[in-house]
Amino acid sequence: MTQIAAEQLLAEHTPALRNFLGARCRDADLTAEMLQEVAARLVTATPRLSLNGNARGYLFRIAANVWRDHLRRELVRRRAAALMESGERALADAADARLLERELRTAVRDAVRALPAAQREVVELRQQPGLTFQEIADRLNRPLGTVLTQMRAALARISAALENYR
């Protein structure tokens, strides 16, 4: 499947995907974020993707996986919040925690600076509140699929650079 075919497929099924995800989360902003994640996953899979007639089913399978991943992350967040509220002692003292946080921030900044210019632009624009991937693509005059691919590649590079902080 080509990048153009993937973008056309996504454009054709976006309203149905929005309804599918919106019915589950009942939050327009979260629905938009999950739609962007569906698009990112489709773009990532496009080079190795060979759809045998059920493109719509494949998209909805991606959407269902995005929803399940969101639920898993939410469960982890709730457990962490419950631990914080219970007052259990943190793993590091407050002074150590601040030092570790400062080190992590520096490492993230360094990892972003080390990105290729095109990826760094996408990451920096994505940090602006409320800016969607489509708006980033419009600002940079790039196709949405390219911006999503650049973001995915940037996140992979940043993740690899921060391997020691896990």
C-alpha atoms as a PDB file:
ATOM      1  CA  MET A   1       0.000   0.000   0.000  1.00  0.00           C
ATOM      2  CA  THR A   2       1.300   3.463  -0.847  1.00  0.00           C
ATOM      3  CA  GLN A   3       1.360   6.497   1.403  1.00  0.00           C
ATOM      4  CA  ILE A   4      -1.222   8.232  -0.803  1.00  0.00           C
ATOM      5  CA  ALA A   5      -3.539   5.217  -0.672  1.00  0.00           C
ATOM      6  CA  ALA A   6      -3.234   5.154   3.130  1.00  0.00           C
ATOM      7  CA  GLU A   7      -4.117   8.852   3.362  1.00  0.00           C
ATOM      8  CA  GLN A   8      -7.125   8.351   1.063  1.00  0.00           C
ATOM      9  CA  LEU A   9      -8.247   5.342   3.088  1.00  0.00           C
ATOM     10  CA  LEU A  10      -8.017   7.299   6.307  1.00  0.00           C
ATOM     11  CA  ALA A  11      -9.812  10.321   4.841  1.00  0.00           C
ATOM     12  CA  GLU A  12     -12.638   8.110   3.587  1.00  0.00           C
ATOM     13  CA  HIS A  13     -13.196   6.428   6.950  1.00  0.00           C
ATOM     14  CA  THR A  14     -12.437   9.275   9.369  1.00  0.00           C
ATOM     15  CA  PRO A  15     -16.101  10.126  10.102  1.00  0.00           C
ATOM     16  CA  ALA A  16     -16.899   6.497  10.968  1.00  0.00           C
ATOM     17  CA  LEU A  17     -13.715   6.175  13.045  1.00  0.00           C
ATOM     18  CA  ARG A  18     -14.596   9.413  14.878  1.00  0.00           C
ATOM     19  CA  ASN A  19     -18.034   7.977  15.704  1.00  0.00           C
ATOM     20  CA  PHE A  20     -16.499   4.657  16.798  1.00  0.00           C
ATOM     21  CA  LEU A  21     -13.964   6.262  19.138  1.00  0.00           C
ATOM     22  CA  GLY A  22     -16.277   9.065  20.248  1.00  0.00           C
ATOM     23  CA  ALA A  23     -18.921   6.584  21.361  1.00  0.00           C
ATOM     24  CA  ARG A  24     -16.350   4.959  23.630  1.00  0.00           C
ATOM     25  CA  CYS A  25     -14.664   7.951  25.225  1.00  0.00           C
ATOM     26  CA  ARG A  26     -17.378  10.632  24.915  1.00  0.00           C
ATOM     27  CA  ASP A  27     -14.718  13.364  24.779  1.00  0.00           C
ATOM     28  CA  ALA A  28     -14.133  15.313  21.554  1.00  0.00           C
ATOM     29  CA  ASP A  29     -10.505  16.211  22.361  1.00  0.00           C
ATOM     30  CA  LEU A  30      -9.621  12.658  23.331  1.00  0.00           C
ATOM     31  CA  THR A  31     -11.367  11.372  20.206  1.00  0.00           C
ATOM     32  CA  ALA A  32      -9.257  13.734  18.076  1.00  0.00           C
ATOM     33  CA  GLU A  33      -6.061  12.553  19.794  1.00  0.00           C
ATOM     34  CA  MET A  34      -6.980   8.919  19.256  1.00  0.00           C
ATOM     35  CA  LEU A  35      -7.776   9.605  15.579  1.00  0.00           C
ATOM     36  CA  GLN A  36      -4.296  11.065  15.219  1.00  0.00           C
ATOM     37  CA  GLU A  37      -2.841   7.950  16.823  1.00  0.00           C
ATOM     38  CA  VAL A  38      -4.820   5.760  14.385  1.00  0.00           C
ATOM     39  CA  ALA A  39      -3.391   7.836  11.524  1.00  0.00           C
ATOM     40  CA  ALA A  40       0.136   7.549  12.920  1.00  0.00           C
ATOM     41  CA  ARG A  41      -0.137   3.781  13.263  1.00  0.00           C
ATOM     42  CA  LEU A  42      -1.518   3.466   9.734  1.00  0.00           C
ATOM     43  CA  VAL A  43       1.332   5.570   8.338  1.00  0.00           C
ATOM     44  CA  THR A  44       3.875   3.488  10.256  1.00  0.00           C
ATOM     45  CA  ALA A  45       2.367   0.232   8.954  1.00  0.00           C
ATOM     46  CA  THR A  46       1.885   1.443   5.357  1.00  0.00           C
ATOM     47  CA  PRO A  47       5.226   0.246   3.910  1.00  0.00           C
ATOM     48  CA  ARG A  48       4.616  -3.341   5.012  1.00  0.00           C
ATOM     49  CA  LEU A  49       0.833  -3.319   4.653  1.00  0.00           C
ATOM     50  CA  SER A  50      -1.021  -5.433   2.138  1.00  0.00           C
ATOM     51  CA  LEU A  51      -4.782  -5.176   2.551  1.00  0.00           C
ATOM     52  CA  ASN A  52      -6.743  -7.987   1.000  1.00  0.00           C
ATOM     53  CA  GLY A  53     -10.070  -6.276   0.570  1.00  0.00           C
ATOM     54  CA  ASN A  54     -10.862  -5.397   4.184  1.00  0.00           C
ATOM     55  CA  ALA A  55      -9.268  -1.999   4.646  1.00  0.00           C
ATOM     56  CA  ARG A  56     -12.162  -0.732   6.774  1.00  0.00           C
ATOM     57  CA  GLY A  57     -11.822  -3.700   9.124  1.00  0.00           C
ATOM     58  CA  TYR A  58      -8.090  -3.085   9.442  1.00  0.00           C
ATOM     59  CA  LEU A  59      -8.665   0.596  10.347  1.00  0.00           C
ATOM     60  CA  PHE A  60     -11.242  -0.296  12.954  1.00  0.00           C
ATOM     61  CA  ARG A  61      -8.901  -2.919  14.419  1.00  0.00           C
ATOM     62  CA  ILE A  62      -6.271  -0.158  14.765  1.00  0.00           C
ATOM     63  CA  ALA A  63      -8.883   2.114  16.382  1.00  0.00           C
ATOM     64  CA  ALA A  64      -9.910  -0.609  18.832  1.00  0.00           C
ATOM     65  CA  ASN A  65      -6.253  -1.167  19.754  1.00  0.00           C
ATOM     66  CA  VAL A  66      -5.755   2.578  20.279  1.00  0.00           C
ATOM     67  CA  TRP A  67      -8.789   2.602  22.585  1.00  0.00           C
ATOM     68  CA  ARG A  68      -7.493  -0.405  24.561  1.00  0.00           C
ATOM     69  CA  ASP A  69      -4.061   1.183  24.865  1.00  0.00           C
ATOM     70  CA  HIS A  70      -5.694   4.348  26.198  1.00  0.00           C
ATOM     71  CA  LEU A  71      -7.619   2.311  28.780  1.00  0.00           C
ATOM     72  CA  ARG A  72      -4.416   0.561  29.895  1.00  0.00           C
ATOM     73  CA  ARG A  73      -2.582   3.880  30.298  1.00  0.00           C
ATOM     74  CA  GLU A  74      -5.523   5.289  32.217  1.00  0.00           C
ATOM     75  CA  LEU A  75      -5.485   2.283  34.543  1.00  0.00           C
ATOM     76  CA  VAL A  76      -1.777   2.820  35.237  1.00  0.00           C
ATOM     77  CA  ARG A  77      -2.391   6.538  35.893  1.00  0.00           C
ATOM     78  CA  ARG A  78      -5.204   5.770  38.310  1.00  0.00           C
ATOM     79  CA  ARG A  79      -3.082   3.234  40.179  1.00  0.00           C
ATOM     80  CA  ALA A  80      -0.236   5.743  40.421  1.00  0.00           C
ATOM     81  CA  ALA A  81      -2.616   8.432  41.666  1.00  0.00           C
ATOM     82  CA  ALA A  82      -4.005   6.030  44.267  1.00  0.00           C
ATOM     83  CA  LEU A  83      -0.466   5.251  45.451  1.00  0.00           C
ATOM     84  CA  MET A  84       0.330   8.945  45.694  1.00  0.00           C
ATOM     85  CA  GLU A  85      -2.849   9.605  47.670  1.00  0.00           C
ATOM     86  CA  SER A  86      -2.181   6.709  50.010  1.00  0.00           C
ATOM     87  CA  GLY A  87       0.960   8.492  51.160  1.00  0.00           C
ATOM     88  CA  GLU A  88       3.335   5.596  50.518  1.00  0.00           C
ATOM     89  CA  ARG A  89       6.954   6.683  50.684  1.00  0.00           C
ATOM     90  CA  ALA A  90       8.433   7.629  47.325  1.00  0.00           C
ATOM     91  CA  LEU A  91      11.403   5.673  45.994  1.00  0.00           C
ATOM     92  CA  ALA A  92      13.665   8.749  46.135  1.00  0.00           C
ATOM     93  CA  ASP A  93      13.930  11.557  48.660  1.00  0.00           C
ATOM     94  CA  ALA A  94      12.598  14.931  47.545  1.00  0.00           C
ATOM     95  CA  ALA A  95      16.103  16.349  46.896  1.00  0.00           C
ATOM     96  CA  ASP A  96      17.069  13.320  44.812  1.00  0.00           C
ATOM     97  CA  ALA A  97      13.800  13.457  42.932  1.00  0.00           C
ATOM     98  CA  ARG A  98      14.411  17.094  41.937  1.00  0.00           C
ATOM     99  CA  LEU A  99      17.935  16.264  40.800  1.00  0.00           C
ATOM    100  CA  LEU A 100      16.717  13.282  38.767  1.00  0.00           C
ATOM    101  CA  GLU A 101      13.946  15.375  37.238  1.00  0.00           C
ATOM    102  CA  ARG A 102      16.436  18.098  36.248  1.00  0.00           C
ATOM    103  CA  GLU A 103      18.741  15.474  34.699  1.00  0.00           C
ATOM    104  CA  LEU A 104      15.845  13.985  32.761  1.00  0.00           C
ATOM    105  CA  ARG A 105      14.768  17.393  31.445  1.00  0.00           C
ATOM    106  CA  THR A 106      18.308  18.076  30.269  1.00  0.00           C
ATOM    107  CA  ALA A 107      18.503  14.657  28.604  1.00  0.00           C
ATOM    108  CA  VAL A 108      15.182  15.264  26.812  1.00  0.00           C
ATOM    109  CA  ARG A 109      16.331  18.695  25.595  1.00  0.00           C
ATOM    110  CA  ASP A 110      19.595  17.180  24.335  1.00  0.00           C
ATOM    111  CA  ALA A 111      17.730  14.356  22.583  1.00  0.00           C
ATOM    112  CA  VAL A 112      15.408  16.838  20.850  1.00  0.00           C
ATOM    113  CA  ARG A 113      18.363  19.025  19.799  1.00  0.00           C
ATOM    114  CA  ALA A 114      20.061  15.960  18.284  1.00  0.00           C
ATOM    115  CA  LEU A 115      17.076  15.194  16.025  1.00  0.00           C
ATOM    116  CA  PRO A 116      17.248  15.902  12.287  1.00  0.00           C
ATOM    117  CA  ALA A 117      15.839  19.368  11.562  1.00  0.00           C
ATOM    118  CA  ALA A 118      12.587  18.119   9.983  1.00  0.00           C
ATOM    119  CA  GLN A 119      11.793  15.885  12.969  1.00  0.00           C
ATOM    120  CA  ARG A 120      12.805  18.563  15.484  1.00  0.00           C
ATOM    121  CA  GLU A 121      10.412  21.067  13.842  1.00  0.00           C
ATOM    122  CA  VAL A 122       7.508  18.653  14.193  1.00  0.00           C
ATOM    123  CA  VAL A 123       8.333  17.865  17.844  1.00  0.00           C
ATOM    124  CA  GLU A 124       8.725  21.534  18.753  1.00  0.00           C
ATOM    125  CA  LEU A 125       5.445  22.510  17.079  1.00  0.00           C
ATOM    126  CA  ARG A 126       3.645  19.586  18.755  1.00  0.00           C
ATOM    127  CA  GLN A 127       4.569  21.091  22.130  1.00  0.00           C
ATOM    128  CA  GLN A 128       2.343  24.076  21.442  1.00  0.00           C
ATOM    129  CA  PRO A 129      -0.960  23.588  23.274  1.00  0.00           C
ATOM    130  CA  GLY A 130      -3.896  22.673  21.069  1.00  0.00           C
ATOM    131  CA  LEU A 131      -1.896  22.334  17.847  1.00  0.00           C
ATOM    132  CA  THR A 132      -3.014  19.239  15.922  1.00  0.00           C
ATOM    133  CA  PHE A 133      -0.891  17.206  13.532  1.00  0.00           C
ATOM    134  CA  GLN A 134      -2.963  18.548  10.630  1.00  0.00           C
ATOM    135  CA  GLU A 135      -2.197  22.128  11.705  1.00  0.00           C
ATOM    136  CA  ILE A 136       1.493  21.249  12.005  1.00  0.00           C
ATOM    137  CA  ALA A 137       1.403  19.758   8.500  1.00  0.00           C
ATOM    138  CA  ASP A 138      -0.262  22.909   7.179  1.00  0.00           C
ATOM    139  CA  ARG A 139       2.295  25.190   8.876  1.00  0.00           C
ATOM    140  CA  LEU A 140       5.227  23.177   7.552  1.00  0.00           C
ATOM    141  CA  ASN A 141       3.607  22.709   4.126  1.00  0.00           C
ATOM    142  CA  ARG A 142       4.047  18.923   4.364  1.00  0.00           C
ATOM    143  CA  PRO A 143       1.565  16.068   3.904  1.00  0.00           C
ATOM    144  CA  LEU A 144      -0.069  14.845   7.117  1.00  0.00           C
ATOM    145  CA  GLY A 145       1.404  11.374   6.625  1.00  0.00           C
ATOM    146  CA  THR A 146       4.914  12.807   6.410  1.00  0.00           C
ATOM    147  CA  VAL A 147       4.446  14.790   9.617  1.00  0.00           C
ATOM    148  CA  LEU A 148       3.107  11.716  11.427  1.00  0.00           C
ATOM    149  CA  THR A 149       6.032   9.611  10.184  1.00  0.00           C
ATOM    150  CA  GLN A 150       8.505  12.283  11.282  1.00  0.00           C
ATOM    151  CA  MET A 151       6.900  12.449  14.734  1.00  0.00           C
ATOM    152  CA  ARG A 152       6.982   8.666  15.109  1.00  0.00           C
ATOM    153  CA  ALA A 153      10.668   8.577  14.070  1.00  0.00           C
ATOM    154  CA  ALA A 154      11.490  11.442  16.437  1.00  0.00           C
ATOM    155  CA  LEU A 155       9.798   9.695  19.356  1.00  0.00           C
ATOM    156  CA  ALA A 156      11.726   6.509  18.603  1.00  0.00           C
ATOM    157  CA  ARG A 157      15.021   8.441  18.604  1.00  0.00           C
ATOM    158  CA  ILE A 158      14.145  10.281  21.821  1.00  0.00           C
ATOM    159  CA  SER A 159      13.105   7.028  23.471  1.00  0.00           C
ATOM    160  CA  ALA A 160      16.402   5.395  22.490  1.00  0.00           C
ATOM    161  CA  ALA A 161      18.351   8.392  23.799  1.00  0.00           C
ATOM    162  CA  LEU A 162      16.498   8.178  27.128  1.00  0.00           C
ATOM    163  CA  GLU A 163      16.910   4.419  27.540  1.00  0.00           C
ATOM    164  CA  ASN A 164      18.958   4.888  30.742  1.00  0.00           C
ATOM    165  CA  TYR A 165      16.131   6.841  32.419  1.00  0.00           C
ATOM    166  CA  ARG A 166      13.563   4.043  32.424  1.00  0.00           C
END
